C-alpha atoms as a PDB file:
ATOM      1  CA  UNK A   1      29.504 -14.876  59.256  1.00  0.00           C
ATOM      2  CA  UNK A   2      30.042 -18.282  58.665  1.00  0.00           C
ATOM      3  CA  UNK A   3      27.652 -20.679  61.241  1.00  0.00           C
ATOM      4  CA  UNK A   4      29.309 -23.879  62.626  1.00  0.00           C
ATOM      5  CA  UNK A   5      27.882 -26.620  64.525  1.00  0.00           C
ATOM      6  CA  UNK A   6      29.002 -26.938  68.255  1.00  0.00           C
ATOM      7  CA  UNK A   7      27.492 -29.881  70.270  1.00  0.00           C
ATOM      8  CA  UNK A   8      23.759 -29.035  70.533  1.00  0.00           C
ATOM      9  CA  UNK A   9      23.796 -25.257  69.599  1.00  0.00           C
ATOM     10  CA  UNK A  10      24.884 -23.461  66.350  1.00  0.00           C
ATOM     11  CA  UNK A  11      27.568 -20.795  66.942  1.00  0.00           C
ATOM     12  CA  UNK A  12      28.057 -17.841  64.447  1.00  0.00           C
ATOM     13  CA  UNK A  13      30.507 -15.455  65.760  1.00  0.00           C
ATOM     14  CA  UNK A  14      29.454 -14.451  69.107  1.00  0.00           C
ATOM     15  CA  UNK A  15      25.775 -15.716  68.389  1.00  0.00           C
ATOM     16  CA  UNK A  16      25.019 -19.174  69.819  1.00  0.00           C
ATOM     17  CA  UNK A  17      21.670 -20.998  68.950  1.00  0.00           C
ATOM     18  CA  UNK A  18      20.581 -23.856  70.999  1.00  0.00           C
ATOM     19  CA  UNK A  19      19.156 -26.482  68.754  1.00  0.00           C
ATOM     20  CA  UNK A  20      16.127 -27.069  70.575  1.00  0.00           C
ATOM     21  CA  UNK A  21      13.029 -24.991  69.927  1.00  0.00           C
ATOM     22  CA  UNK A  22      14.794 -23.927  67.206  1.00  0.00           C
ATOM     23  CA  UNK A  23      12.440 -22.604  64.285  1.00  0.00           C
ATOM     24  CA  UNK A  24      13.074 -22.847  60.256  1.00  0.00           C
ATOM     25  CA  UNK A  25      11.387 -20.746  57.399  1.00  0.00           C
ATOM     26  CA  UNK A  26      11.966 -19.871  54.021  1.00  0.00           C
ATOM     27  CA  UNK A  27      13.052 -16.396  52.839  1.00  0.00           C
ATOM     28  CA  UNK A  28      15.256 -13.756  50.898  1.00  0.00           C
ATOM     29  CA  UNK A  29      15.156 -13.402  47.099  1.00  0.00           C
ATOM     30  CA  UNK A  30      12.848 -16.236  45.603  1.00  0.00           C
ATOM     31  CA  UNK A  31      12.861 -18.005  48.980  1.00  0.00           C
ATOM     32  CA  UNK A  32      16.663 -19.295  48.540  1.00  0.00           C
ATOM     33  CA  UNK A  33      17.847 -18.829  52.138  1.00  0.00           C
ATOM     34  CA  UNK A  34      16.728 -21.042  55.293  1.00  0.00           C
ATOM     35  CA  UNK A  35      15.898 -18.600  58.015  1.00  0.00           C
ATOM     36  CA  UNK A  36      16.999 -20.068  61.641  1.00  0.00           C
ATOM     37  CA  UNK A  37      15.370 -18.316  64.692  1.00  0.00           C
ATOM     38  CA  UNK A  38      15.003 -19.252  68.499  1.00  0.00           C
ATOM     39  CA  UNK A  39      12.380 -18.030  70.827  1.00  0.00           C
ATOM     40  CA  UNK A  40      14.972 -16.738  73.416  1.00  0.00           C
ATOM     41  CA  UNK A  41      16.835 -14.757  70.991  1.00  0.00           C
ATOM     42  CA  UNK A  42      14.552 -11.951  70.079  1.00  0.00           C
ATOM     43  CA  UNK A  43      15.092 -10.070  66.645  1.00  0.00           C
ATOM     44  CA  UNK A  44      17.837 -12.215  65.803  1.00  0.00           C
ATOM     45  CA  UNK A  45      17.722 -14.418  63.097  1.00  0.00           C
ATOM     46  CA  UNK A  46      20.433 -16.806  60.979  1.00  0.00           C
ATOM     47  CA  UNK A  47      20.474 -16.915  57.375  1.00  0.00           C
ATOM     48  CA  UNK A  48      21.819 -19.798  55.712  1.00  0.00           C
ATOM     49  CA  UNK A  49      22.107 -21.709  52.512  1.00  0.00           C
ATOM     50  CA  UNK A  50      20.366 -24.928  52.071  1.00  0.00           C
ATOM     51  CA  UNK A  51      23.372 -27.157  52.263  1.00  0.00           C
ATOM     52  CA  UNK A  52      23.914 -25.985  55.761  1.00  0.00           C
ATOM     53  CA  UNK A  53      21.306 -28.367  56.837  1.00  0.00           C
ATOM     54  CA  UNK A  54      23.505 -30.989  56.087  1.00  0.00           C
ATOM     55  CA  UNK A  55      25.839 -30.140  58.836  1.00  0.00           C
ATOM     56  CA  UNK A  56      23.418 -30.174  61.552  1.00  0.00           C
ATOM     57  CA  UNK A  57      23.011 -33.619  63.663  1.00  0.00           C
ATOM     58  CA  UNK A  58      20.654 -35.740  61.849  1.00  0.00           C
ATOM     59  CA  UNK A  59      17.894 -35.663  64.757  1.00  0.00           C
ATOM     60  CA  UNK A  60      17.554 -32.020  64.123  1.00  0.00           C
ATOM     61  CA  UNK A  61      18.211 -32.393  60.399  1.00  0.00           C
ATOM     62  CA  UNK A  62      15.169 -34.501  60.103  1.00  0.00           C
ATOM     63  CA  UNK A  63      12.991 -31.657  61.272  1.00  0.00           C
ATOM     64  CA  UNK A  64      14.433 -29.380  58.496  1.00  0.00           C
ATOM     65  CA  UNK A  65      14.140 -31.286  55.638  1.00  0.00           C
ATOM     66  CA  UNK A  66      10.427 -30.305  55.261  1.00  0.00           C
ATOM     67  CA  UNK A  67      11.431 -26.961  54.779  1.00  0.00           C
ATOM     68  CA  UNK A  68      14.055 -27.630  52.523  1.00  0.00           C
ATOM     69  CA  UNK A  69      11.859 -29.948  50.458  1.00  0.00           C
ATOM     70  CA  UNK A  70       9.334 -27.140  49.981  1.00  0.00           C
ATOM     71  CA  UNK A  71      12.399 -24.927  48.996  1.00  0.00           C
ATOM     72  CA  UNK A  72      13.333 -27.223  46.157  1.00  0.00           C
ATOM     73  CA  UNK A  73       9.559 -27.555  45.318  1.00  0.00           C
ATOM     74  CA  UNK A  74       9.482 -23.889  44.695  1.00  0.00           C
ATOM     75  CA  UNK A  75      12.782 -23.162  42.949  1.00  0.00           C
ATOM     76  CA  UNK A  76      11.491 -25.898  40.447  1.00  0.00           C
ATOM     77  CA  UNK A  77       7.985 -24.214  40.096  1.00  0.00           C
ATOM     78  CA  UNK A  78       9.860 -20.889  39.506  1.00  0.00           C
ATOM     79  CA  UNK A  79      11.891 -22.624  36.945  1.00  0.00           C
ATOM     80  CA  UNK A  80       9.046 -24.143  35.004  1.00  0.00           C
ATOM     81  CA  UNK A  81       6.969 -20.477  35.026  1.00  0.00           C
ATOM     82  CA  UNK A  82      10.230 -18.950  33.800  1.00  0.00           C
ATOM     83  CA  UNK A  83      10.049 -21.114  30.994  1.00  0.00           C
ATOM     84  CA  UNK A  84       6.578 -21.152  30.419  1.00  0.00           C
ATOM     85  CA  UNK A  85       7.064 -17.100  30.625  1.00  0.00           C
ATOM     86  CA  UNK A  86       9.836 -17.173  27.865  1.00  0.00           C
ATOM     87  CA  UNK A  87       7.761 -19.698  25.404  1.00  0.00           C
ATOM     88  CA  UNK A  88       4.722 -17.488  25.614  1.00  0.00           C
ATOM     89  CA  UNK A  89       6.737 -14.055  24.902  1.00  0.00           C
ATOM     90  CA  UNK A  90       8.250 -15.959  22.124  1.00  0.00           C
ATOM     91  CA  UNK A  91       4.975 -17.084  20.567  1.00  0.00           C
ATOM     92  CA  UNK A  92       3.442 -13.629  21.218  1.00  0.00           C
ATOM     93  CA  UNK A  93       6.643 -12.345  19.402  1.00  0.00           C
ATOM     94  CA  UNK A  94       6.246 -14.742  16.438  1.00  0.00           C
ATOM     95  CA  UNK A  95       2.509 -13.746  16.292  1.00  0.00           C
ATOM     96  CA  UNK A  96       3.210  -9.888  16.238  1.00  0.00           C
ATOM     97  CA  UNK A  97       6.127 -10.452  13.139  1.00  0.00           C
ATOM     98  CA  UNK A  98       4.198 -12.851  11.213  1.00  0.00           C
ATOM     99  CA  UNK A  99       1.057 -11.213  10.966  1.00  0.00           C
ATOM    100  CA  UNK A 100      -0.657  -9.988  14.081  1.00  0.00           C
ATOM    101  CA  UNK A 101       0.978  -6.491  14.401  1.00  0.00           C
ATOM    102  CA  UNK A 102       0.036  -6.259  10.362  1.00  0.00           C
ATOM    103  CA  UNK A 103      -3.460  -7.365  11.078  1.00  0.00           C
ATOM    104  CA  UNK A 104      -3.751  -4.553  13.988  1.00  0.00           C
ATOM    105  CA  UNK A 105      -2.248  -2.294  11.373  1.00  0.00           C
ATOM    106  CA  UNK A 106      -4.469  -2.876   8.451  1.00  0.00           C
ATOM    107  CA  UNK A 107      -7.524  -2.260  10.629  1.00  0.00           C
ATOM    108  CA  UNK A 108      -6.041   1.029  11.382  1.00  0.00           C
ATOM    109  CA  UNK A 109      -5.600   1.816   7.825  1.00  0.00           C
ATOM    110  CA  UNK A 110      -8.969   3.696   6.347  1.00  0.00           C
ATOM    111  CA  UNK A 111      -9.919   2.925   2.688  1.00  0.00           C
ATOM    112  CA  UNK A 112      -9.251   6.712   2.058  1.00  0.00           C
ATOM    113  CA  UNK A 113      -5.827   6.324   3.207  1.00  0.00           C
ATOM    114  CA  UNK A 114      -5.301   3.167   1.019  1.00  0.00           C
ATOM    115  CA  UNK A 115      -6.690   4.792  -2.328  1.00  0.00           C
ATOM    116  CA  UNK A 116      -3.781   7.591  -1.548  1.00  0.00           C
ATOM    117  CA  UNK A 117      -1.471   4.878  -1.509  1.00  0.00           C
ATOM    118  CA  UNK A 118      -2.918   3.118  -4.514  1.00  0.00           C
ATOM    119  CA  UNK A 119      -2.760   6.615  -6.535  1.00  0.00           C
ATOM    120  CA  UNK A 120       1.217   7.032  -5.665  1.00  0.00           C
ATOM    121  CA  UNK A 121       1.475   3.598  -6.461  1.00  0.00           C
ATOM    122  CA  UNK A 122      -0.137   4.312  -9.974  1.00  0.00           C
ATOM    123  CA  UNK A 123       1.856   7.284 -11.077  1.00  0.00           C
ATOM    124  CA  UNK A 124       5.086   4.714 -11.092  1.00  0.00           C
ATOM    125  CA  UNK A 125       3.462   2.728 -13.843  1.00  0.00           C
ATOM    126  CA  UNK A 126       1.678   5.432 -16.057  1.00  0.00           C
ATOM    127  CA  UNK A 127       5.313   6.646 -16.541  1.00  0.00           C
ATOM    128  CA  UNK A 128       6.588   3.221 -17.625  1.00  0.00           C
ATOM    129  CA  UNK A 129       4.292   2.533 -20.396  1.00  0.00           C
ATOM    130  CA  UNK A 130       1.912   4.688 -22.532  1.00  0.00           C
ATOM    131  CA  UNK A 131      -1.464   4.609 -21.551  1.00  0.00           C
ATOM    132  CA  UNK A 132      -4.257   3.246 -24.274  1.00  0.00           C
ATOM    133  CA  UNK A 133      -6.645   5.738 -25.628  1.00  0.00           C
ATOM    134  CA  UNK A 134      -8.728   3.208 -27.759  1.00  0.00           C
ATOM    135  CA  UNK A 135     -11.917   3.752 -26.539  1.00  0.00           C
ATOM    136  CA  UNK A 136     -13.614   0.819 -28.072  1.00  0.00           C
ATOM    137  CA  UNK A 137     -10.870  -1.503 -26.361  1.00  0.00           C
ATOM    138  CA  UNK A 138     -10.725   0.549 -23.030  1.00  0.00           C
ATOM    139  CA  UNK A 139     -14.633   0.697 -23.161  1.00  0.00           C
ATOM    140  CA  UNK A 140     -14.745  -3.144 -23.435  1.00  0.00           C
ATOM    141  CA  UNK A 141     -12.347  -3.298 -20.469  1.00  0.00           C
ATOM    142  CA  UNK A 142     -14.132  -0.935 -18.386  1.00  0.00           C
ATOM    143  CA  UNK A 143     -17.452  -2.738 -19.178  1.00  0.00           C
ATOM    144  CA  UNK A 144     -16.152  -5.967 -17.834  1.00  0.00           C
ATOM    145  CA  UNK A 145     -14.947  -4.329 -14.765  1.00  0.00           C
ATOM    146  CA  UNK A 146     -18.321  -2.453 -14.222  1.00  0.00           C
ATOM    147  CA  UNK A 147     -20.056  -5.787 -14.346  1.00  0.00           C
ATOM    148  CA  UNK A 148     -18.021  -7.444 -11.902  1.00  0.00           C
ATOM    149  CA  UNK A 149     -18.126  -4.420  -9.495  1.00  0.00           C
ATOM    150  CA  UNK A 150     -21.693  -4.367  -9.556  1.00  0.00           C
ATOM    151  CA  UNK A 151     -22.398  -7.855  -8.508  1.00  0.00           C
ATOM    152  CA  UNK A 152     -20.042  -7.365  -5.546  1.00  0.00           C
ATOM    153  CA  UNK A 153     -21.781  -7.673  -1.827  1.00  0.00           C
ATOM    154  CA  UNK A 154     -19.690  -4.674  -0.663  1.00  0.00           C
ATOM    155  CA  UNK A 155     -17.631  -2.068  -2.526  1.00  0.00           C
ATOM    156  CA  UNK A 156     -15.417  -0.111  -0.572  1.00  0.00           C
ATOM    157  CA  UNK A 157     -13.522   1.359  -3.073  1.00  0.00           C
ATOM    158  CA  UNK A 158     -13.598   3.518  -6.496  1.00  0.00           C
ATOM    159  CA  UNK A 159     -12.250   1.038  -8.625  1.00  0.00           C
ATOM    160  CA  UNK A 160     -10.735   1.955 -12.293  1.00  0.00           C
ATOM    161  CA  UNK A 161      -9.053  -0.062 -14.721  1.00  0.00           C
ATOM    162  CA  UNK A 162      -6.710   1.215 -17.115  1.00  0.00           C
ATOM    163  CA  UNK A 163      -4.586  -0.758 -20.100  1.00  0.00           C
ATOM    164  CA  UNK A 164      -1.092   0.405 -20.698  1.00  0.00           C
ATOM    165  CA  UNK A 165       0.468  -0.464 -23.951  1.00  0.00           C
ATOM    166  CA  UNK A 166       3.179  -3.085 -23.589  1.00  0.00           C
ATOM    167  CA  UNK A 167       3.736  -6.676 -24.864  1.00  0.00           C
ATOM    168  CA  UNK A 168       4.117  -8.145 -21.202  1.00  0.00           C
ATOM    169  CA  UNK A 169       1.315 -10.708 -20.736  1.00  0.00           C
ATOM    170  CA  UNK A 170       0.441  -9.182 -17.489  1.00  0.00           C
ATOM    171  CA  UNK A 171      -2.066  -7.386 -14.910  1.00  0.00           C
ATOM    172  CA  UNK A 172      -2.457  -6.323 -11.175  1.00  0.00           C
ATOM    173  CA  UNK A 173      -4.173  -4.074  -8.677  1.00  0.00           C
ATOM    174  CA  UNK A 174      -2.963  -1.661  -6.602  1.00  0.00           C
ATOM    175  CA  UNK A 175      -4.406  -0.924  -2.784  1.00  0.00           C
ATOM    176  CA  UNK A 176      -7.556   1.035  -3.333  1.00  0.00           C
ATOM    177  CA  UNK A 177      -8.808   0.019  -6.426  1.00  0.00           C
ATOM    178  CA  UNK A 178      -6.673   1.040  -9.029  1.00  0.00           C
ATOM    179  CA  UNK A 179      -6.099  -1.982 -12.036  1.00  0.00           C
ATOM    180  CA  UNK A 180      -3.812  -2.181 -14.825  1.00  0.00           C
ATOM    181  CA  UNK A 181      -4.141  -4.661 -17.915  1.00  0.00           C
ATOM    182  CA  UNK A 182      -1.275  -4.447 -20.147  1.00  0.00           C
ATOM    183  CA  UNK A 183      -2.375  -5.150 -23.877  1.00  0.00           C
ATOM    184  CA  UNK A 184      -0.409  -8.035 -24.398  1.00  0.00           C
ATOM    185  CA  UNK A 185      -2.288  -9.849 -21.858  1.00  0.00           C
ATOM    186  CA  UNK A 186      -5.659  -8.569 -23.526  1.00  0.00           C
ATOM    187  CA  UNK A 187      -4.204  -9.887 -26.840  1.00  0.00           C
ATOM    188  CA  UNK A 188      -3.392 -13.284 -25.196  1.00  0.00           C
ATOM    189  CA  UNK A 189      -7.166 -13.508 -24.170  1.00  0.00           C
ATOM    190  CA  UNK A 190      -9.197 -15.192 -26.602  1.00  0.00           C
ATOM    191  CA  UNK A 191     -12.461 -14.266 -25.095  1.00  0.00           C
ATOM    192  CA  UNK A 192     -13.992 -11.499 -22.742  1.00  0.00           C
ATOM    193  CA  UNK A 193     -14.343 -14.282 -20.291  1.00  0.00           C
ATOM    194  CA  UNK A 194     -10.659 -15.026 -19.767  1.00  0.00           C
ATOM    195  CA  UNK A 195     -10.194 -11.289 -19.352  1.00  0.00           C
ATOM    196  CA  UNK A 196     -13.246 -11.133 -16.618  1.00  0.00           C
ATOM    197  CA  UNK A 197     -11.318 -14.348 -14.869  1.00  0.00           C
ATOM    198  CA  UNK A 198      -8.237 -12.215 -14.113  1.00  0.00           C
ATOM    199  CA  UNK A 199     -10.214  -9.014 -13.198  1.00  0.00           C
ATOM    200  CA  UNK A 200     -12.069 -10.912 -10.797  1.00  0.00           C
ATOM    201  CA  UNK A 201      -9.008 -12.515  -9.390  1.00  0.00           C
ATOM    202  CA  UNK A 202      -7.402  -9.167  -9.156  1.00  0.00           C
ATOM    203  CA  UNK A 203     -10.651  -7.459  -7.470  1.00  0.00           C
ATOM    204  CA  UNK A 204     -10.426 -10.107  -4.872  1.00  0.00           C
ATOM    205  CA  UNK A 205      -6.809  -9.058  -3.919  1.00  0.00           C
ATOM    206  CA  UNK A 206      -7.810  -5.715  -3.628  1.00  0.00           C
ATOM    207  CA  UNK A 207     -11.044  -6.563  -1.356  1.00  0.00           C
ATOM    208  CA  UNK A 208      -8.883  -8.808   0.967  1.00  0.00           C
ATOM    209  CA  UNK A 209      -6.399  -5.846   1.230  1.00  0.00           C
ATOM    210  CA  UNK A 210      -3.548  -8.403  -0.077  1.00  0.00           C
ATOM    211  CA  UNK A 211      -1.344  -5.757  -1.585  1.00  0.00           C
ATOM    212  CA  UNK A 212      -1.855  -3.493   1.274  1.00  0.00           C
ATOM    213  CA  UNK A 213      -0.807  -6.205   3.295  1.00  0.00           C
ATOM    214  CA  UNK A 214       2.307  -6.639   1.582  1.00  0.00           C
ATOM    215  CA  UNK A 215       3.254  -3.055   1.707  1.00  0.00           C
ATOM    216  CA  UNK A 216       2.711  -3.032   5.446  1.00  0.00           C
ATOM    217  CA  UNK A 217       4.963  -5.858   6.337  1.00  0.00           C
ATOM    218  CA  UNK A 218       7.518  -4.475   4.166  1.00  0.00           C
ATOM    219  CA  UNK A 219       7.681  -1.113   5.642  1.00  0.00           C
ATOM    220  CA  UNK A 220       8.728  -2.634   9.059  1.00  0.00           C
ATOM    221  CA  UNK A 221       7.679  -2.210  12.694  1.00  0.00           C
ATOM    222  CA  UNK A 222       7.916   1.623  12.779  1.00  0.00           C
ATOM    223  CA  UNK A 223       5.604   1.992  10.141  1.00  0.00           C
ATOM    224  CA  UNK A 224       3.185  -0.536  11.738  1.00  0.00           C
ATOM    225  CA  UNK A 225       3.501   1.336  15.282  1.00  0.00           C
ATOM    226  CA  UNK A 226       2.822   4.443  13.654  1.00  0.00           C
ATOM    227  CA  UNK A 227      -0.387   2.938  12.121  1.00  0.00           C
ATOM    228  CA  UNK A 228      -1.603   1.625  15.024  1.00  0.00           C
ATOM    229  CA  UNK A 229      -1.125   4.448  17.178  1.00  0.00           C
ATOM    230  CA  UNK A 230      -3.100   6.885  14.616  1.00  0.00           C
ATOM    231  CA  UNK A 231      -0.286   8.721  13.127  1.00  0.00           C
ATOM    232  CA  UNK A 232      -1.560   8.309   9.766  1.00  0.00           C
ATOM    233  CA  UNK A 233       0.550  11.059   8.151  1.00  0.00           C
ATOM    234  CA  UNK A 234       3.777   9.376   9.470  1.00  0.00           C
ATOM    235  CA  UNK A 235       2.547   5.681   8.077  1.00  0.00           C
ATOM    236  CA  UNK A 236       1.761   7.166   4.704  1.00  0.00           C
ATOM    237  CA  UNK A 237       5.382   8.430   4.494  1.00  0.00           C
ATOM    238  CA  UNK A 238       6.710   5.341   5.122  1.00  0.00           C
ATOM    239  CA  UNK A 239       4.409   3.379   2.985  1.00  0.00           C
ATOM    240  CA  UNK A 240       4.394   5.465   0.355  1.00  0.00           C
ATOM    241  CA  UNK A 241       8.336   4.687  -0.363  1.00  0.00           C
ATOM    242  CA  UNK A 242       6.929   0.871  -1.118  1.00  0.00           C
ATOM    243  CA  UNK A 243       4.156   2.138  -3.496  1.00  0.00           C
ATOM    244  CA  UNK A 244       6.326   1.342  -6.556  1.00  0.00           C
ATOM    245  CA  UNK A 245       6.818  -1.842  -5.641  1.00  0.00           C
ATOM    246  CA  UNK A 246       3.192  -2.861  -5.185  1.00  0.00           C
ATOM    247  CA  UNK A 247       2.521  -4.132  -8.658  1.00  0.00           C
ATOM    248  CA  UNK A 248       5.143  -6.760  -8.514  1.00  0.00           C
ATOM    249  CA  UNK A 249       4.514  -8.261  -5.022  1.00  0.00           C
ATOM    250  CA  UNK A 250       4.039 -11.837  -4.781  1.00  0.00           C
ATOM    251  CA  UNK A 251       1.146 -12.897  -3.027  1.00  0.00           C
ATOM    252  CA  UNK A 252       1.232 -15.756  -0.945  1.00  0.00           C
ATOM    253  CA  UNK A 253       0.006 -19.391  -1.824  1.00  0.00           C
ATOM    254  CA  UNK A 254      -3.344 -18.924   0.436  1.00  0.00           C
ATOM    255  CA  UNK A 255      -3.880 -15.186  -1.018  1.00  0.00           C
ATOM    256  CA  UNK A 256      -3.694 -16.577  -4.566  1.00  0.00           C
ATOM    257  CA  UNK A 257      -6.088 -19.348  -3.506  1.00  0.00           C
ATOM    258  CA  UNK A 258      -8.562 -16.749  -1.902  1.00  0.00           C
ATOM    259  CA  UNK A 259      -8.125 -14.730  -4.730  1.00  0.00           C
ATOM    260  CA  UNK A 260      -9.049 -17.524  -7.325  1.00  0.00           C
ATOM    261  CA  UNK A 261     -12.136 -18.852  -5.300  1.00  0.00           C
ATOM    262  CA  UNK A 262     -13.451 -15.448  -4.625  1.00  0.00           C
ATOM    263  CA  UNK A 263     -12.854 -14.208  -8.521  1.00  0.00           C
ATOM    264  CA  UNK A 264     -14.406 -17.249 -10.170  1.00  0.00           C
ATOM    265  CA  UNK A 265     -17.466 -16.786  -7.801  1.00  0.00           C
ATOM    266  CA  UNK A 266     -18.122 -13.180  -8.445  1.00  0.00           C
ATOM    267  CA  UNK A 267     -17.411 -13.786 -12.475  1.00  0.00           C
ATOM    268  CA  UNK A 268     -20.107 -16.099 -12.402  1.00  0.00           C
ATOM    269  CA  UNK A 269     -22.343 -13.978 -10.459  1.00  0.00           C
ATOM    270  CA  UNK A 270     -21.681 -11.050 -13.318  1.00  0.00           C
ATOM    271  CA  UNK A 271     -22.673 -14.103 -15.938  1.00  0.00           C
ATOM    272  CA  UNK A 272     -19.425 -14.812 -16.920  1.00  0.00           C
ATOM    273  CA  UNK A 273     -18.422 -18.071 -18.094  1.00  0.00           C
ATOM    274  CA  UNK A 274     -15.860 -19.552 -15.052  1.00  0.00           C
ATOM    275  CA  UNK A 275     -14.557 -21.898 -17.553  1.00  0.00           C
ATOM    276  CA  UNK A 276     -12.518 -18.447 -18.440  1.00  0.00           C
ATOM    277  CA  UNK A 277     -10.460 -19.008 -15.596  1.00  0.00           C
ATOM    278  CA  UNK A 278      -9.410 -22.263 -16.505  1.00  0.00           C
ATOM    279  CA  UNK A 279      -8.848 -21.443 -19.814  1.00  0.00           C
ATOM    280  CA  UNK A 280      -6.466 -18.443 -18.845  1.00  0.00           C
ATOM    281  CA  UNK A 281      -4.795 -19.674 -15.731  1.00  0.00           C
ATOM    282  CA  UNK A 282      -4.314 -22.987 -17.707  1.00  0.00           C
ATOM    283  CA  UNK A 283      -2.450 -21.394 -20.599  1.00  0.00           C
ATOM    284  CA  UNK A 284      -0.237 -19.925 -17.801  1.00  0.00           C
ATOM    285  CA  UNK A 285       0.284 -23.307 -16.374  1.00  0.00           C
ATOM    286  CA  UNK A 286       1.313 -24.749 -20.016  1.00  0.00           C
ATOM    287  CA  UNK A 287       3.718 -22.359 -20.732  1.00  0.00           C
ATOM    288  CA  UNK A 288       5.707 -22.075 -17.233  1.00  0.00           C
ATOM    289  CA  UNK A 289       5.171 -25.996 -15.839  1.00  0.00           C
ATOM    290  CA  UNK A 290       5.146 -27.295 -12.616  1.00  0.00           C
ATOM    291  CA  UNK A 291       9.031 -27.367 -12.484  1.00  0.00           C
ATOM    292  CA  UNK A 292       9.374 -23.700 -13.468  1.00  0.00           C
ATOM    293  CA  UNK A 293      10.546 -24.181 -16.955  1.00  0.00           C
ATOM    294  CA  UNK A 294      10.591 -21.932 -20.109  1.00  0.00           C
ATOM    295  CA  UNK A 295       8.117 -19.078 -19.330  1.00  0.00           C
ATOM    296  CA  UNK A 296       8.445 -16.960 -22.710  1.00  0.00           C
ATOM    297  CA  UNK A 297       6.129 -13.736 -22.921  1.00  0.00           C
ATOM    298  CA  UNK A 298       4.382 -15.220 -20.093  1.00  0.00           C
ATOM    299  CA  UNK A 299       7.179 -14.507 -17.618  1.00  0.00           C
ATOM    300  CA  UNK A 300       6.023 -11.157 -16.048  1.00  0.00           C
ATOM    301  CA  UNK A 301       2.452 -12.642 -14.964  1.00  0.00           C
ATOM    302  CA  UNK A 302       4.152 -15.986 -13.892  1.00  0.00           C
ATOM    303  CA  UNK A 303       6.497 -14.041 -11.542  1.00  0.00           C
ATOM    304  CA  UNK A 304       3.486 -12.723  -9.246  1.00  0.00           C
ATOM    305  CA  UNK A 305       0.456 -15.448 -10.021  1.00  0.00           C
ATOM    306  CA  UNK A 306       1.689 -19.132  -9.595  1.00  0.00           C
ATOM    307  CA  UNK A 307       1.113 -21.442 -12.467  1.00  0.00           C
ATOM    308  CA  UNK A 308       0.382 -25.285 -11.925  1.00  0.00           C
ATOM    309  CA  UNK A 309      -1.710 -28.014 -12.813  1.00  0.00           C
ATOM    310  CA  UNK A 310      -3.024 -28.340  -9.470  1.00  0.00           C
ATOM    311  CA  UNK A 311      -4.353 -24.682  -9.501  1.00  0.00           C
ATOM    312  CA  UNK A 312      -5.830 -25.402 -12.916  1.00  0.00           C
ATOM    313  CA  UNK A 313      -7.774 -28.590 -11.927  1.00  0.00           C
ATOM    314  CA  UNK A 314      -8.967 -26.670  -8.959  1.00  0.00           C
ATOM    315  CA  UNK A 315     -10.270 -23.651 -11.094  1.00  0.00           C
ATOM    316  CA  UNK A 316     -11.773 -26.284 -13.159  1.00  0.00           C
ATOM    317  CA  UNK A 317     -13.905 -27.885 -10.155  1.00  0.00           C
ATOM    318  CA  UNK A 318     -14.776 -24.418  -9.032  1.00  0.00           C
ATOM    319  CA  UNK A 319     -15.994 -23.416 -12.717  1.00  0.00           C
ATOM    320  CA  UNK A 320     -18.131 -26.709 -12.941  1.00  0.00           C
ATOM    321  CA  UNK A 321     -20.187 -25.732  -9.692  1.00  0.00           C
ATOM    322  CA  UNK A 322     -20.778 -22.161 -10.312  1.00  0.00           C
ATOM    323  CA  UNK A 323     -21.362 -21.903 -13.858  1.00  0.00           C
ATOM    324  CA  UNK A 324     -24.592 -19.856 -14.412  1.00  0.00           C
ATOM    325  CA  UNK A 325     -27.268 -21.046 -16.709  1.00  0.00           C
ATOM    326  CA  UNK A 326     -26.646 -18.599 -19.615  1.00  0.00           C
ATOM    327  CA  UNK A 327     -23.094 -17.026 -19.877  1.00  0.00           C
ATOM    328  CA  UNK A 328     -23.314 -13.300 -21.088  1.00  0.00           C
ATOM    329  CA  UNK A 329     -20.592 -12.064 -23.250  1.00  0.00           C
ATOM    330  CA  UNK A 330     -19.765  -8.042 -24.545  1.00  0.00           C
ATOM    331  CA  UNK A 331     -21.821  -6.831 -27.457  1.00  0.00           C
ATOM    332  CA  UNK A 332     -18.628  -6.049 -29.099  1.00  0.00           C
ATOM    333  CA  UNK A 333     -16.943  -9.143 -30.641  1.00  0.00           C
ATOM    334  CA  UNK A 334     -13.578  -9.565 -28.618  1.00  0.00           C
ATOM    335  CA  UNK A 335     -11.432 -11.233 -30.958  1.00  0.00           C
ATOM    336  CA  UNK A 336     -11.902  -8.328 -33.396  1.00  0.00           C
ATOM    337  CA  UNK A 337     -10.819  -5.660 -30.674  1.00  0.00           C
ATOM    338  CA  UNK A 338      -8.441  -7.494 -28.501  1.00  0.00           C
ATOM    339  CA  UNK A 339      -5.069  -5.929 -30.341  1.00  0.00           C
ATOM    340  CA  UNK A 340      -6.498  -2.359 -31.002  1.00  0.00           C
ATOM    341  CA  UNK A 341      -3.649  -1.431 -28.614  1.00  0.00           C
ATOM    342  CA  UNK A 342      -0.831  -3.431 -29.649  1.00  0.00           C
ATOM    343  CA  UNK A 343       2.312  -1.099 -28.985  1.00  0.00           C
END
């Protein structure tokens, strides 16, 4: 039906609607139509598009301007609402896939499950290099760990440190409290305070669940939803596939800074000298350079622990404010035992 204007009426096929007494309102999907009706035509309506109003005489058109203006305002408002909804949807999507969803998954993972993941990952590393069996050296490293753990505010894991016989200068912590120190790192450390600095740093990666977060983010959306919805067995199965990568995960800049800050504070509370952090990570910065130069034997550790003079300066400031009155070392002289597990 295509309505036309004829004199003082609107004609649509056999329907004639007088101008006088004509009533108009919005209707249809998203008010995209102007609905014309007349009191003499009961239950009869004529639905027209907005541009039909332009075909009406000026005297009548003036009366319909308000209706069309309202229609335009509603259309513009809906457009703004749609854009707003799209922006909100994109913002939520970005939040979910850049940390929000991972945060929810982390809260759903109990500490016991995290320790089980760490145990799975540990098997990968004990098969790659022989474990040091020298009780003097391993006892000293364990003593450093025990002193640090005792000064923690809250202990949610059963921490364990193992020494692997390798020339690599590296150390890392797995989810659940498993830590590995390579004998190459112990030989490079000039004091037990330097070892305590690295261990305090790694312990706080565990406390803040940095390694677990990396595994969760790598596992993908299916694992995240499985964990959030309480399917721990499926979540463990998916995360387990990434367990072997846990020791080589590269933490973010903010995570490294957090582990630095908390690690120095922890070693100071345990009466180790925080200058050990400055000394050891200073070696890392000196060997690699800010421009990623020659890394030499520090290559493995530099791949997961950022080295920079900025970091060294920040650690120096922390050490200066947190140093204990009388730093306490080990009963055993470190320089005499650090090479006992040389491969």
